[in-house]
Amino acid sequence: MGEASPDLITFGETMALFMPTDDHRSLERSPVLQQGFGGAESNVAIGAARLGCSVGWFGRLGDDPFGATITKTLRGEGVDVSRSRQAEGETTGLMFREQVAGRVAVHYYRKNSAASRMQPQDLDAAYIQGSKILHVTGITTALSESCRQTVQDAVKTAREAGVKVCFDPNLRLKLWSVEEAREVLLPLSEQADYFLPGWDELQLLYDTEDADAILNRVKQLQATVIIKGYGEKTLIVENGSITEVPFYPADTVVDTVGAGDGFCAGFLAGILKGKSTKEAVQLASINGSLVVQSRGDWEALPVWKAVEQRLLGHAWVER
């Protein structure tokens, strides 16, 4: 009998990250850079693992020190990387981040990276079939045609096996046009069991700012839809009804990068722990609020005890 699959499986691109050690220096002016890594799916994997979930992540990494660091760190965080691969002769993508005039700017060097060459043959169907939730994002589909096909095949494999599919569009207009994105992301939203878009993403994907029109489109989906960033609250659209959940406030905001991934990790952890959709969103909101209070893509993701304390101690004010 083979080894059991983790409850949550995700995959995609993870890149080496470099940024100035001083937030107030640009890349051009900084003599020293701090090394790390980041990727939407691996951030979610680490976040869910820290919340006590059984998680697996896989991807195609370069056969280089960056790929080795990513693999070892994920394994050290309790994430199963047994299906991940460091491809011989290929390179891990790089990104450089800085703060310019108070705004985060990211510069990518990912063309022809190992991740962009991911293919459906890289999938282990049995691994996906044995899980409870498959989480995918729109970033992977934007990297290349072969990556797009890999995501589509993974979703098909999961659905045929009765595995729930969670989809975060993570719309990145540096990778493709909104017209190209619509052709791929909207069909994926129709196949998802959990769809986690931001309100700004829905406006772009549905090509309208009319709130009623957007919500009517969302209600037609089979998925439970969690809409982030609708004013100061999150909307749950489920079984034709809409529930509002207010944001959990952050004491201070240091770095907003990774907040969405922290939210997603918290939501999926809540679902895996048997919580209701609303309770899972509340957990997600706390998780995201804790992430923004420290620097880094995934380093500030909290452990379950920290989230649970706030979850039990907070009175949710609903209007």
C-alpha atoms as a PDB file:
ATOM      1  CA  MET A   1       0.000   0.000   0.000  1.00  0.00           C
ATOM      2  CA  GLY A   2       1.370   3.419  -0.992  1.00  0.00           C
ATOM      3  CA  GLU A   3       1.897   6.305   1.361  1.00  0.00           C
ATOM      4  CA  ALA A   4      -1.253   8.355   2.004  1.00  0.00           C
ATOM      5  CA  SER A   5      -1.589  11.733   0.310  1.00  0.00           C
ATOM      6  CA  PRO A   6      -1.731  14.924   2.374  1.00  0.00           C
ATOM      7  CA  ASP A   7      -5.194  16.405   2.939  1.00  0.00           C
ATOM      8  CA  LEU A   8      -4.306  19.573   1.026  1.00  0.00           C
ATOM      9  CA  ILE A   9      -2.217  19.590  -2.143  1.00  0.00           C
ATOM     10  CA  THR A  10      -1.064  22.604  -4.111  1.00  0.00           C
ATOM     11  CA  PHE A  11       1.535  23.284  -6.774  1.00  0.00           C
ATOM     12  CA  GLY A  12       3.024  26.088  -8.821  1.00  0.00           C
ATOM     13  CA  GLU A  13       5.901  28.489  -9.226  1.00  0.00           C
ATOM     14  CA  THR A  14       8.138  29.426  -6.321  1.00  0.00           C
ATOM     15  CA  MET A  15      10.974  31.873  -6.938  1.00  0.00           C
ATOM     16  CA  ALA A  16      14.079  33.015  -5.146  1.00  0.00           C
ATOM     17  CA  LEU A  17      13.522  36.473  -3.662  1.00  0.00           C
ATOM     18  CA  PHE A  18      15.974  39.295  -3.043  1.00  0.00           C
ATOM     19  CA  MET A  19      15.178  42.620  -1.375  1.00  0.00           C
ATOM     20  CA  PRO A  20      17.046  45.427   0.395  1.00  0.00           C
ATOM     21  CA  THR A  21      17.658  44.866   4.078  1.00  0.00           C
ATOM     22  CA  ASP A  22      16.584  48.482   4.621  1.00  0.00           C
ATOM     23  CA  ASP A  23      12.962  49.131   3.598  1.00  0.00           C
ATOM     24  CA  HIS A  24      13.813  52.748   2.810  1.00  0.00           C
ATOM     25  CA  ARG A  25      16.473  51.929   0.205  1.00  0.00           C
ATOM     26  CA  SER A  26      15.750  51.123  -3.412  1.00  0.00           C
ATOM     27  CA  LEU A  27      17.446  48.200  -5.141  1.00  0.00           C
ATOM     28  CA  GLU A  28      19.579  50.682  -7.015  1.00  0.00           C
ATOM     29  CA  ARG A  29      20.870  52.218  -3.786  1.00  0.00           C
ATOM     30  CA  SER A  30      21.117  49.124  -1.608  1.00  0.00           C
ATOM     31  CA  PRO A  31      24.574  47.499  -1.284  1.00  0.00           C
ATOM     32  CA  VAL A  32      23.163  44.489   0.592  1.00  0.00           C
ATOM     33  CA  LEU A  33      20.207  42.267  -0.343  1.00  0.00           C
ATOM     34  CA  GLN A  34      18.347  39.799   1.835  1.00  0.00           C
ATOM     35  CA  GLN A  35      17.689  36.398   0.242  1.00  0.00           C
ATOM     36  CA  GLY A  36      14.464  34.462   0.618  1.00  0.00           C
ATOM     37  CA  PHE A  37      11.798  32.958  -1.601  1.00  0.00           C
ATOM     38  CA  GLY A  38       8.141  33.314  -2.360  1.00  0.00           C
ATOM     39  CA  GLY A  39       5.303  31.854  -4.361  1.00  0.00           C
ATOM     40  CA  ALA A  40       1.548  32.014  -3.882  1.00  0.00           C
ATOM     41  CA  GLU A  41       1.066  28.271  -3.629  1.00  0.00           C
ATOM     42  CA  SER A  42       4.075  27.534  -1.430  1.00  0.00           C
ATOM     43  CA  ASN A  43       3.033  30.420   0.844  1.00  0.00           C
ATOM     44  CA  VAL A  44      -0.389  28.790   1.226  1.00  0.00           C
ATOM     45  CA  ALA A  45       1.245  25.421   1.871  1.00  0.00           C
ATOM     46  CA  ILE A  46       3.433  26.783   4.667  1.00  0.00           C
ATOM     47  CA  GLY A  47       0.523  28.730   6.141  1.00  0.00           C
ATOM     48  CA  ALA A  48      -1.765  25.712   6.268  1.00  0.00           C
ATOM     49  CA  ALA A  49       1.001  23.491   7.662  1.00  0.00           C
ATOM     50  CA  ARG A  50       1.618  25.969  10.476  1.00  0.00           C
ATOM     51  CA  LEU A  51      -2.081  25.777  11.290  1.00  0.00           C
ATOM     52  CA  GLY A  52      -1.765  22.040  11.802  1.00  0.00           C
ATOM     53  CA  CYS A  53      -2.905  20.726   8.431  1.00  0.00           C
ATOM     54  CA  SER A  54      -1.441  17.904   6.364  1.00  0.00           C
ATOM     55  CA  VAL A  55      -0.087  19.654   3.255  1.00  0.00           C
ATOM     56  CA  GLY A  56       1.845  18.813   0.109  1.00  0.00           C
ATOM     57  CA  TRP A  57       3.413  21.179  -2.430  1.00  0.00           C
ATOM     58  CA  PHE A  58       5.136  20.317  -5.661  1.00  0.00           C
ATOM     59  CA  GLY A  59       6.731  22.277  -8.436  1.00  0.00           C
ATOM     60  CA  ARG A  60       9.520  22.265 -10.964  1.00  0.00           C
ATOM     61  CA  LEU A  61      12.575  24.004  -9.537  1.00  0.00           C
ATOM     62  CA  GLY A  62      16.024  24.640 -10.904  1.00  0.00           C
ATOM     63  CA  ASP A  63      18.931  22.356 -10.129  1.00  0.00           C
ATOM     64  CA  ASP A  64      20.636  25.198  -8.297  1.00  0.00           C
ATOM     65  CA  PRO A  65      21.146  26.504  -4.746  1.00  0.00           C
ATOM     66  CA  PHE A  66      17.856  28.403  -4.877  1.00  0.00           C
ATOM     67  CA  GLY A  67      15.875  25.294  -5.727  1.00  0.00           C
ATOM     68  CA  ALA A  68      17.643  23.410  -2.941  1.00  0.00           C
ATOM     69  CA  THR A  69      16.868  26.146  -0.400  1.00  0.00           C
ATOM     70  CA  ILE A  70      13.188  26.204  -1.342  1.00  0.00           C
ATOM     71  CA  THR A  71      12.893  22.420  -1.121  1.00  0.00           C
ATOM     72  CA  LYS A  72      14.669  22.148   2.218  1.00  0.00           C
ATOM     73  CA  THR A  73      12.777  25.040   3.799  1.00  0.00           C
ATOM     74  CA  LEU A  74       9.381  23.725   2.756  1.00  0.00           C
ATOM     75  CA  ARG A  75      10.273  20.287   4.095  1.00  0.00           C
ATOM     76  CA  GLY A  76      11.415  21.886   7.345  1.00  0.00           C
ATOM     77  CA  GLU A  77       8.033  23.642   7.623  1.00  0.00           C
ATOM     78  CA  GLY A  78       6.299  20.266   7.552  1.00  0.00           C
ATOM     79  CA  VAL A  79       5.212  20.430   3.904  1.00  0.00           C
ATOM     80  CA  ASP A  80       5.466  17.237   1.877  1.00  0.00           C
ATOM     81  CA  VAL A  81       7.710  17.901  -1.146  1.00  0.00           C
ATOM     82  CA  SER A  82       8.049  14.307  -2.283  1.00  0.00           C
ATOM     83  CA  ARG A  83       6.546  15.115  -5.704  1.00  0.00           C
ATOM     84  CA  SER A  84       8.610  18.243  -6.244  1.00  0.00           C
ATOM     85  CA  ARG A  85      11.544  18.165  -8.649  1.00  0.00           C
ATOM     86  CA  GLN A  86      14.814  19.987  -9.207  1.00  0.00           C
ATOM     87  CA  ALA A  87      15.222  19.703 -12.982  1.00  0.00           C
ATOM     88  CA  GLU A  88      18.771  19.091 -14.151  1.00  0.00           C
ATOM     89  CA  GLY A  89      20.224  21.913 -16.206  1.00  0.00           C
ATOM     90  CA  GLU A  90      17.326  24.286 -15.475  1.00  0.00           C
ATOM     91  CA  THR A  91      17.147  27.415 -13.318  1.00  0.00           C
ATOM     92  CA  THR A  92      14.868  28.692 -10.579  1.00  0.00           C
ATOM     93  CA  GLY A  93      13.126  31.978 -11.341  1.00  0.00           C
ATOM     94  CA  LEU A  94      14.231  35.114  -9.505  1.00  0.00           C
ATOM     95  CA  MET A  95      12.369  38.153  -8.228  1.00  0.00           C
ATOM     96  CA  PHE A  96      13.634  41.378  -6.695  1.00  0.00           C
ATOM     97  CA  ARG A  97      11.381  43.493  -4.482  1.00  0.00           C
ATOM     98  CA  GLU A  98      11.734  47.076  -3.299  1.00  0.00           C
ATOM     99  CA  GLN A  99       9.678  49.908  -1.894  1.00  0.00           C
ATOM    100  CA  VAL A 100       9.494  52.887  -4.221  1.00  0.00           C
ATOM    101  CA  ALA A 101       7.681  56.028  -3.034  1.00  0.00           C
ATOM    102  CA  GLY A 102       5.878  53.948  -0.425  1.00  0.00           C
ATOM    103  CA  ARG A 103       4.687  51.317  -2.898  1.00  0.00           C
ATOM    104  CA  VAL A 104       6.000  47.804  -3.447  1.00  0.00           C
ATOM    105  CA  ALA A 105       7.652  47.181  -6.821  1.00  0.00           C
ATOM    106  CA  VAL A 106       8.631  43.678  -7.955  1.00  0.00           C
ATOM    107  CA  HIS A 107      10.999  42.832 -10.798  1.00  0.00           C
ATOM    108  CA  TYR A 108      10.773  39.296 -12.210  1.00  0.00           C
ATOM    109  CA  TYR A 109      13.368  37.155 -13.994  1.00  0.00           C
ATOM    110  CA  ARG A 110      11.382  34.039 -14.781  1.00  0.00           C
ATOM    111  CA  LYS A 111      11.500  33.551 -18.557  1.00  0.00           C
ATOM    112  CA  ASN A 112      12.422  29.941 -19.419  1.00  0.00           C
ATOM    113  CA  SER A 113      12.617  29.081 -15.717  1.00  0.00           C
ATOM    114  CA  ALA A 114      12.122  25.503 -14.583  1.00  0.00           C
ATOM    115  CA  ALA A 115       8.641  26.382 -13.304  1.00  0.00           C
ATOM    116  CA  SER A 116       7.550  27.711 -16.700  1.00  0.00           C
ATOM    117  CA  ARG A 117       8.363  24.302 -18.202  1.00  0.00           C
ATOM    118  CA  MET A 118       6.023  22.330 -15.980  1.00  0.00           C
ATOM    119  CA  GLN A 119       4.047  19.747 -17.965  1.00  0.00           C
ATOM    120  CA  PRO A 120       1.060  17.460 -17.334  1.00  0.00           C
ATOM    121  CA  GLN A 121       3.547  14.568 -17.126  1.00  0.00           C
ATOM    122  CA  ASP A 122       4.837  16.153 -13.905  1.00  0.00           C
ATOM    123  CA  LEU A 123       1.523  15.323 -12.199  1.00  0.00           C
ATOM    124  CA  ASP A 124       1.104  12.289  -9.964  1.00  0.00           C
ATOM    125  CA  ALA A 125      -2.588  11.508 -10.457  1.00  0.00           C
ATOM    126  CA  ALA A 126      -2.773   9.112  -7.501  1.00  0.00           C
ATOM    127  CA  TYR A 127      -1.261  11.745  -5.224  1.00  0.00           C
ATOM    128  CA  ILE A 128      -4.016  14.218  -6.154  1.00  0.00           C
ATOM    129  CA  GLN A 129      -6.759  11.590  -6.031  1.00  0.00           C
ATOM    130  CA  GLY A 130      -5.837  10.675  -2.456  1.00  0.00           C
ATOM    131  CA  SER A 131      -6.155  14.212  -1.110  1.00  0.00           C
ATOM    132  CA  LYS A 132      -9.183  16.144   0.161  1.00  0.00           C
ATOM    133  CA  ILE A 133      -8.549  19.550  -1.439  1.00  0.00           C
ATOM    134  CA  LEU A 134      -6.511  20.618  -4.456  1.00  0.00           C
ATOM    135  CA  HIS A 135      -5.588  24.315  -4.426  1.00  0.00           C
ATOM    136  CA  VAL A 136      -4.530  26.055  -7.653  1.00  0.00           C
ATOM    137  CA  THR A 137      -4.010  29.662  -8.726  1.00  0.00           C
ATOM    138  CA  GLY A 138      -4.173  31.640 -11.924  1.00  0.00           C
ATOM    139  CA  ILE A 139      -0.484  32.507 -11.726  1.00  0.00           C
ATOM    140  CA  THR A 140       0.569  29.044 -12.857  1.00  0.00           C
ATOM    141  CA  THR A 141      -1.793  29.135 -15.833  1.00  0.00           C
ATOM    142  CA  ALA A 142      -0.217  32.398 -17.010  1.00  0.00           C
ATOM    143  CA  LEU A 143       3.360  31.099 -17.135  1.00  0.00           C
ATOM    144  CA  SER A 144       3.137  29.009 -20.308  1.00  0.00           C
ATOM    145  CA  GLU A 145       0.809  26.846 -22.361  1.00  0.00           C
ATOM    146  CA  SER A 146       2.228  23.692 -20.769  1.00  0.00           C
ATOM    147  CA  CYS A 147       1.658  25.121 -17.271  1.00  0.00           C
ATOM    148  CA  ARG A 148      -1.902  26.006 -18.230  1.00  0.00           C
ATOM    149  CA  GLN A 149      -2.550  22.463 -19.409  1.00  0.00           C
ATOM    150  CA  THR A 150      -0.986  21.081 -16.230  1.00  0.00           C
ATOM    151  CA  VAL A 151      -3.402  23.053 -14.046  1.00  0.00           C
ATOM    152  CA  GLN A 152      -6.380  22.064 -16.174  1.00  0.00           C
ATOM    153  CA  ASP A 153      -5.395  18.388 -16.051  1.00  0.00           C
ATOM    154  CA  ALA A 154      -4.877  18.541 -12.277  1.00  0.00           C
ATOM    155  CA  VAL A 155      -8.326  20.077 -11.785  1.00  0.00           C
ATOM    156  CA  LYS A 156      -9.891  17.424 -14.023  1.00  0.00           C
ATOM    157  CA  THR A 157      -8.132  14.656 -12.077  1.00  0.00           C
ATOM    158  CA  ALA A 158      -9.334  16.085  -8.764  1.00  0.00           C
ATOM    159  CA  ARG A 159     -12.934  16.526  -9.899  1.00  0.00           C
ATOM    160  CA  GLU A 160     -13.161  13.014 -11.297  1.00  0.00           C
ATOM    161  CA  ALA A 161     -11.910  11.658  -7.963  1.00  0.00           C
ATOM    162  CA  GLY A 162     -14.328  13.732  -5.874  1.00  0.00           C
ATOM    163  CA  VAL A 163     -11.506  15.892  -4.501  1.00  0.00           C
ATOM    164  CA  LYS A 164     -12.582  19.474  -3.764  1.00  0.00           C
ATOM    165  CA  VAL A 165     -10.961  22.178  -5.900  1.00  0.00           C
ATOM    166  CA  CYS A 166     -10.019  25.577  -4.482  1.00  0.00           C
ATOM    167  CA  PHE A 167      -9.170  28.273  -7.025  1.00  0.00           C
ATOM    168  CA  ASP A 168      -7.628  31.686  -6.347  1.00  0.00           C
ATOM    169  CA  PRO A 169      -7.393  33.666  -9.607  1.00  0.00           C
ATOM    170  CA  ASN A 170      -4.392  35.705  -8.412  1.00  0.00           C
ATOM    171  CA  LEU A 171      -4.689  37.872 -11.513  1.00  0.00           C
ATOM    172  CA  ARG A 172      -1.246  39.109 -12.588  1.00  0.00           C
ATOM    173  CA  LEU A 173      -1.420  41.541 -15.497  1.00  0.00           C
ATOM    174  CA  LYS A 174       2.369  41.568 -15.813  1.00  0.00           C
ATOM    175  CA  LEU A 175       2.058  38.006 -17.117  1.00  0.00           C
ATOM    176  CA  TRP A 176      -0.801  38.383 -19.586  1.00  0.00           C
ATOM    177  CA  SER A 177      -3.596  40.682 -20.699  1.00  0.00           C
ATOM    178  CA  VAL A 178      -6.956  40.704 -18.956  1.00  0.00           C
ATOM    179  CA  GLU A 179      -8.531  39.395 -22.171  1.00  0.00           C
ATOM    180  CA  GLU A 180      -6.210  36.380 -22.170  1.00  0.00           C
ATOM    181  CA  ALA A 181      -6.798  35.861 -18.452  1.00  0.00           C
ATOM    182  CA  ARG A 182     -10.587  35.819 -18.843  1.00  0.00           C
ATOM    183  CA  GLU A 183     -10.416  32.970 -21.369  1.00  0.00           C
ATOM    184  CA  VAL A 184      -8.602  30.756 -18.866  1.00  0.00           C
ATOM    185  CA  LEU A 185      -9.645  31.906 -15.399  1.00  0.00           C
ATOM    186  CA  LEU A 186     -13.401  32.117 -15.875  1.00  0.00           C
ATOM    187  CA  PRO A 187     -13.719  28.461 -16.986  1.00  0.00           C
ATOM    188  CA  LEU A 188     -11.628  27.435 -13.958  1.00  0.00           C
ATOM    189  CA  SER A 189     -13.942  29.397 -11.659  1.00  0.00           C
ATOM    190  CA  GLU A 190     -16.810  27.329 -13.049  1.00  0.00           C
ATOM    191  CA  GLN A 191     -15.044  24.094 -12.076  1.00  0.00           C
ATOM    192  CA  ALA A 192     -14.085  25.113  -8.556  1.00  0.00           C
ATOM    193  CA  ASP A 193     -15.746  24.111  -5.296  1.00  0.00           C
ATOM    194  CA  TYR A 194     -14.178  27.128  -3.541  1.00  0.00           C
ATOM    195  CA  PHE A 195     -13.466  30.308  -5.514  1.00  0.00           C
ATOM    196  CA  LEU A 196     -11.471  33.058  -3.748  1.00  0.00           C
ATOM    197  CA  PRO A 197     -11.314  36.208  -5.898  1.00  0.00           C
ATOM    198  CA  GLY A 198     -10.723  39.779  -4.800  1.00  0.00           C
ATOM    199  CA  TRP A 199     -13.446  42.315  -5.591  1.00  0.00           C
ATOM    200  CA  ASP A 200     -11.028  44.189  -7.869  1.00  0.00           C
ATOM    201  CA  GLU A 201     -10.286  40.950  -9.735  1.00  0.00           C
ATOM    202  CA  LEU A 202     -13.984  40.286 -10.313  1.00  0.00           C
ATOM    203  CA  GLN A 203     -14.420  43.758 -11.797  1.00  0.00           C
ATOM    204  CA  LEU A 204     -11.660  42.989 -14.298  1.00  0.00           C
ATOM    205  CA  LEU A 205     -12.728  39.423 -15.060  1.00  0.00           C
ATOM    206  CA  TYR A 206     -16.396  40.320 -15.564  1.00  0.00           C
ATOM    207  CA  ASP A 207     -15.524  43.641 -17.253  1.00  0.00           C
ATOM    208  CA  THR A 208     -17.894  45.723 -15.159  1.00  0.00           C
ATOM    209  CA  GLU A 209     -17.968  47.800 -11.968  1.00  0.00           C
ATOM    210  CA  ASP A 210     -21.689  47.184 -11.477  1.00  0.00           C
ATOM    211  CA  ALA A 211     -21.913  45.409  -8.117  1.00  0.00           C
ATOM    212  CA  ASP A 212     -25.307  43.838  -8.807  1.00  0.00           C
ATOM    213  CA  ALA A 213     -24.137  42.485 -12.162  1.00  0.00           C
ATOM    214  CA  ILE A 214     -21.008  41.002 -10.600  1.00  0.00           C
ATOM    215  CA  LEU A 215     -22.875  39.376  -7.733  1.00  0.00           C
ATOM    216  CA  ASN A 216     -25.472  37.945 -10.113  1.00  0.00           C
ATOM    217  CA  ARG A 217     -22.668  36.355 -12.154  1.00  0.00           C
ATOM    218  CA  VAL A 218     -21.077  34.962  -9.000  1.00  0.00           C
ATOM    219  CA  LYS A 219     -24.376  33.471  -7.811  1.00  0.00           C
ATOM    220  CA  GLN A 220     -24.527  31.384 -10.976  1.00  0.00           C
ATOM    221  CA  LEU A 221     -21.333  29.520 -10.045  1.00  0.00           C
ATOM    222  CA  GLN A 222     -21.539  26.135  -8.344  1.00  0.00           C
ATOM    223  CA  ALA A 223     -18.691  27.148  -6.050  1.00  0.00           C
ATOM    224  CA  THR A 224     -18.779  28.619  -2.593  1.00  0.00           C
ATOM    225  CA  VAL A 225     -17.357  32.056  -3.442  1.00  0.00           C
ATOM    226  CA  ILE A 226     -15.294  34.054  -0.956  1.00  0.00           C
ATOM    227  CA  ILE A 227     -14.907  37.640  -2.205  1.00  0.00           C
ATOM    228  CA  LYS A 228     -12.017  39.485  -0.567  1.00  0.00           C
ATOM    229  CA  GLY A 229     -11.747  43.242  -0.288  1.00  0.00           C
ATOM    230  CA  TYR A 230     -15.379  44.288  -0.649  1.00  0.00           C
ATOM    231  CA  GLY A 231     -14.940  47.503   1.286  1.00  0.00           C
ATOM    232  CA  GLU A 232     -13.989  46.575   4.839  1.00  0.00           C
ATOM    233  CA  LYS A 233     -15.460  43.109   4.674  1.00  0.00           C
ATOM    234  CA  THR A 234     -15.414  39.736   2.977  1.00  0.00           C
ATOM    235  CA  LEU A 235     -18.477  38.417   1.176  1.00  0.00           C
ATOM    236  CA  ILE A 236     -19.520  34.763   1.237  1.00  0.00           C
ATOM    237  CA  VAL A 237     -21.739  33.796  -1.681  1.00  0.00           C
ATOM    238  CA  GLU A 238     -23.142  30.354  -1.011  1.00  0.00           C
ATOM    239  CA  ASN A 239     -26.329  28.642  -2.170  1.00  0.00           C
ATOM    240  CA  GLY A 240     -27.612  31.903  -3.645  1.00  0.00           C
ATOM    241  CA  SER A 241     -27.268  33.908  -0.410  1.00  0.00           C
ATOM    242  CA  ILE A 242     -24.682  36.511   0.612  1.00  0.00           C
ATOM    243  CA  THR A 243     -23.105  36.743   4.068  1.00  0.00           C
ATOM    244  CA  GLU A 244     -20.839  39.612   5.122  1.00  0.00           C
ATOM    245  CA  VAL A 245     -17.877  39.034   7.423  1.00  0.00           C
ATOM    246  CA  PRO A 246     -15.976  42.115   8.671  1.00  0.00           C
ATOM    247  CA  PHE A 247     -12.195  42.250   8.458  1.00  0.00           C
ATOM    248  CA  TYR A 248     -10.213  41.375  11.550  1.00  0.00           C
ATOM    249  CA  PRO A 249      -8.209  44.562  12.207  1.00  0.00           C
ATOM    250  CA  ALA A 250      -4.410  44.545  12.142  1.00  0.00           C
ATOM    251  CA  ASP A 251      -2.669  46.417  14.959  1.00  0.00           C
ATOM    252  CA  THR A 252      -0.025  47.672  12.528  1.00  0.00           C
ATOM    253  CA  VAL A 253       0.621  47.168   8.824  1.00  0.00           C
ATOM    254  CA  VAL A 254       4.266  46.528   7.954  1.00  0.00           C
ATOM    255  CA  ASP A 255       4.132  44.542   4.703  1.00  0.00           C
ATOM    256  CA  THR A 256       0.975  43.573   2.786  1.00  0.00           C
ATOM    257  CA  VAL A 257       2.744  41.038   0.548  1.00  0.00           C
ATOM    258  CA  GLY A 258       1.436  37.551   1.269  1.00  0.00           C
ATOM    259  CA  ALA A 259      -1.748  38.707   2.995  1.00  0.00           C
ATOM    260  CA  GLY A 260      -3.968  37.055   0.396  1.00  0.00           C
ATOM    261  CA  ASP A 261      -2.030  33.799   0.670  1.00  0.00           C
ATOM    262  CA  GLY A 262      -2.346  33.937   4.451  1.00  0.00           C
ATOM    263  CA  PHE A 263      -6.093  34.458   4.088  1.00  0.00           C
ATOM    264  CA  CYS A 264      -6.334  31.481   1.732  1.00  0.00           C
ATOM    265  CA  ALA A 265      -4.279  29.263   4.055  1.00  0.00           C
ATOM    266  CA  GLY A 266      -6.518  30.173   6.969  1.00  0.00           C
ATOM    267  CA  PHE A 267      -9.680  29.497   4.994  1.00  0.00           C
ATOM    268  CA  LEU A 268      -8.511  26.081   3.787  1.00  0.00           C
ATOM    269  CA  ALA A 269      -7.330  25.160   7.281  1.00  0.00           C
ATOM    270  CA  GLY A 270     -10.756  26.071   8.619  1.00  0.00           C
ATOM    271  CA  ILE A 271     -12.494  23.884   6.043  1.00  0.00           C
ATOM    272  CA  LEU A 272     -10.156  20.965   6.785  1.00  0.00           C
ATOM    273  CA  LYS A 273     -10.805  21.388  10.509  1.00  0.00           C
ATOM    274  CA  GLY A 274     -14.535  20.971   9.882  1.00  0.00           C
ATOM    275  CA  LYS A 275     -15.552  24.571  10.496  1.00  0.00           C
ATOM    276  CA  SER A 276     -18.480  26.235   8.746  1.00  0.00           C
ATOM    277  CA  THR A 277     -17.758  28.508   5.788  1.00  0.00           C
ATOM    278  CA  LYS A 278     -18.290  31.602   7.926  1.00  0.00           C
ATOM    279  CA  GLU A 279     -16.013  30.313  10.686  1.00  0.00           C
ATOM    280  CA  ALA A 280     -13.362  29.458   8.084  1.00  0.00           C
ATOM    281  CA  VAL A 281     -13.540  33.012   6.711  1.00  0.00           C
ATOM    282  CA  GLN A 282     -13.185  34.454  10.202  1.00  0.00           C
ATOM    283  CA  LEU A 283     -10.122  32.283  10.718  1.00  0.00           C
ATOM    284  CA  ALA A 284      -8.802  33.410   7.328  1.00  0.00           C
ATOM    285  CA  SER A 285      -9.278  37.062   8.231  1.00  0.00           C
ATOM    286  CA  ILE A 286      -7.285  36.661  11.440  1.00  0.00           C
ATOM    287  CA  ASN A 287      -4.535  34.808   9.594  1.00  0.00           C
ATOM    288  CA  GLY A 288      -4.267  37.530   6.952  1.00  0.00           C
ATOM    289  CA  SER A 289      -4.219  40.299   9.545  1.00  0.00           C
ATOM    290  CA  LEU A 290      -1.300  38.689  11.375  1.00  0.00           C
ATOM    291  CA  VAL A 291       0.709  38.276   8.161  1.00  0.00           C
ATOM    292  CA  VAL A 292       0.732  42.014   7.360  1.00  0.00           C
ATOM    293  CA  GLN A 293       2.234  42.890  10.725  1.00  0.00           C
ATOM    294  CA  SER A 294       5.681  41.547   9.813  1.00  0.00           C
ATOM    295  CA  ARG A 295       7.963  41.577   6.784  1.00  0.00           C
ATOM    296  CA  GLY A 296       8.236  38.750   4.269  1.00  0.00           C
ATOM    297  CA  ASP A 297       6.169  36.573   1.937  1.00  0.00           C
ATOM    298  CA  TRP A 298       5.552  33.687   4.361  1.00  0.00           C
ATOM    299  CA  GLU A 299       7.786  34.246   7.366  1.00  0.00           C
ATOM    300  CA  ALA A 300       5.031  35.933   9.400  1.00  0.00           C
ATOM    301  CA  LEU A 301       2.427  33.218   8.827  1.00  0.00           C
ATOM    302  CA  PRO A 302       1.164  32.319  12.319  1.00  0.00           C
ATOM    303  CA  VAL A 303       0.858  28.983  14.080  1.00  0.00           C
ATOM    304  CA  TRP A 304      -2.523  27.589  15.090  1.00  0.00           C
ATOM    305  CA  LYS A 305      -2.251  28.587  18.755  1.00  0.00           C
ATOM    306  CA  ALA A 306      -1.819  32.274  17.881  1.00  0.00           C
ATOM    307  CA  VAL A 307      -4.814  32.250  15.535  1.00  0.00           C
ATOM    308  CA  GLU A 308      -6.996  30.238  17.906  1.00  0.00           C
ATOM    309  CA  GLN A 309      -6.410  32.681  20.754  1.00  0.00           C
ATOM    310  CA  ARG A 310      -7.670  35.552  18.635  1.00  0.00           C
ATOM    311  CA  LEU A 311     -10.498  33.509  17.164  1.00  0.00           C
ATOM    312  CA  LEU A 312     -11.833  32.651  20.617  1.00  0.00           C
ATOM    313  CA  GLY A 313     -11.241  36.090  22.079  1.00  0.00           C
ATOM    314  CA  HIS A 314     -12.706  38.283  19.350  1.00  0.00           C
ATOM    315  CA  ALA A 315     -16.331  39.403  19.289  1.00  0.00           C
ATOM    316  CA  TRP A 316     -17.363  39.688  15.638  1.00  0.00           C
ATOM    317  CA  VAL A 317     -19.305  42.889  15.094  1.00  0.00           C
ATOM    318  CA  GLU A 318     -21.699  42.524  12.182  1.00  0.00           C
ATOM    319  CA  ARG A 319     -23.736  45.269  10.577  1.00  0.00           C
END
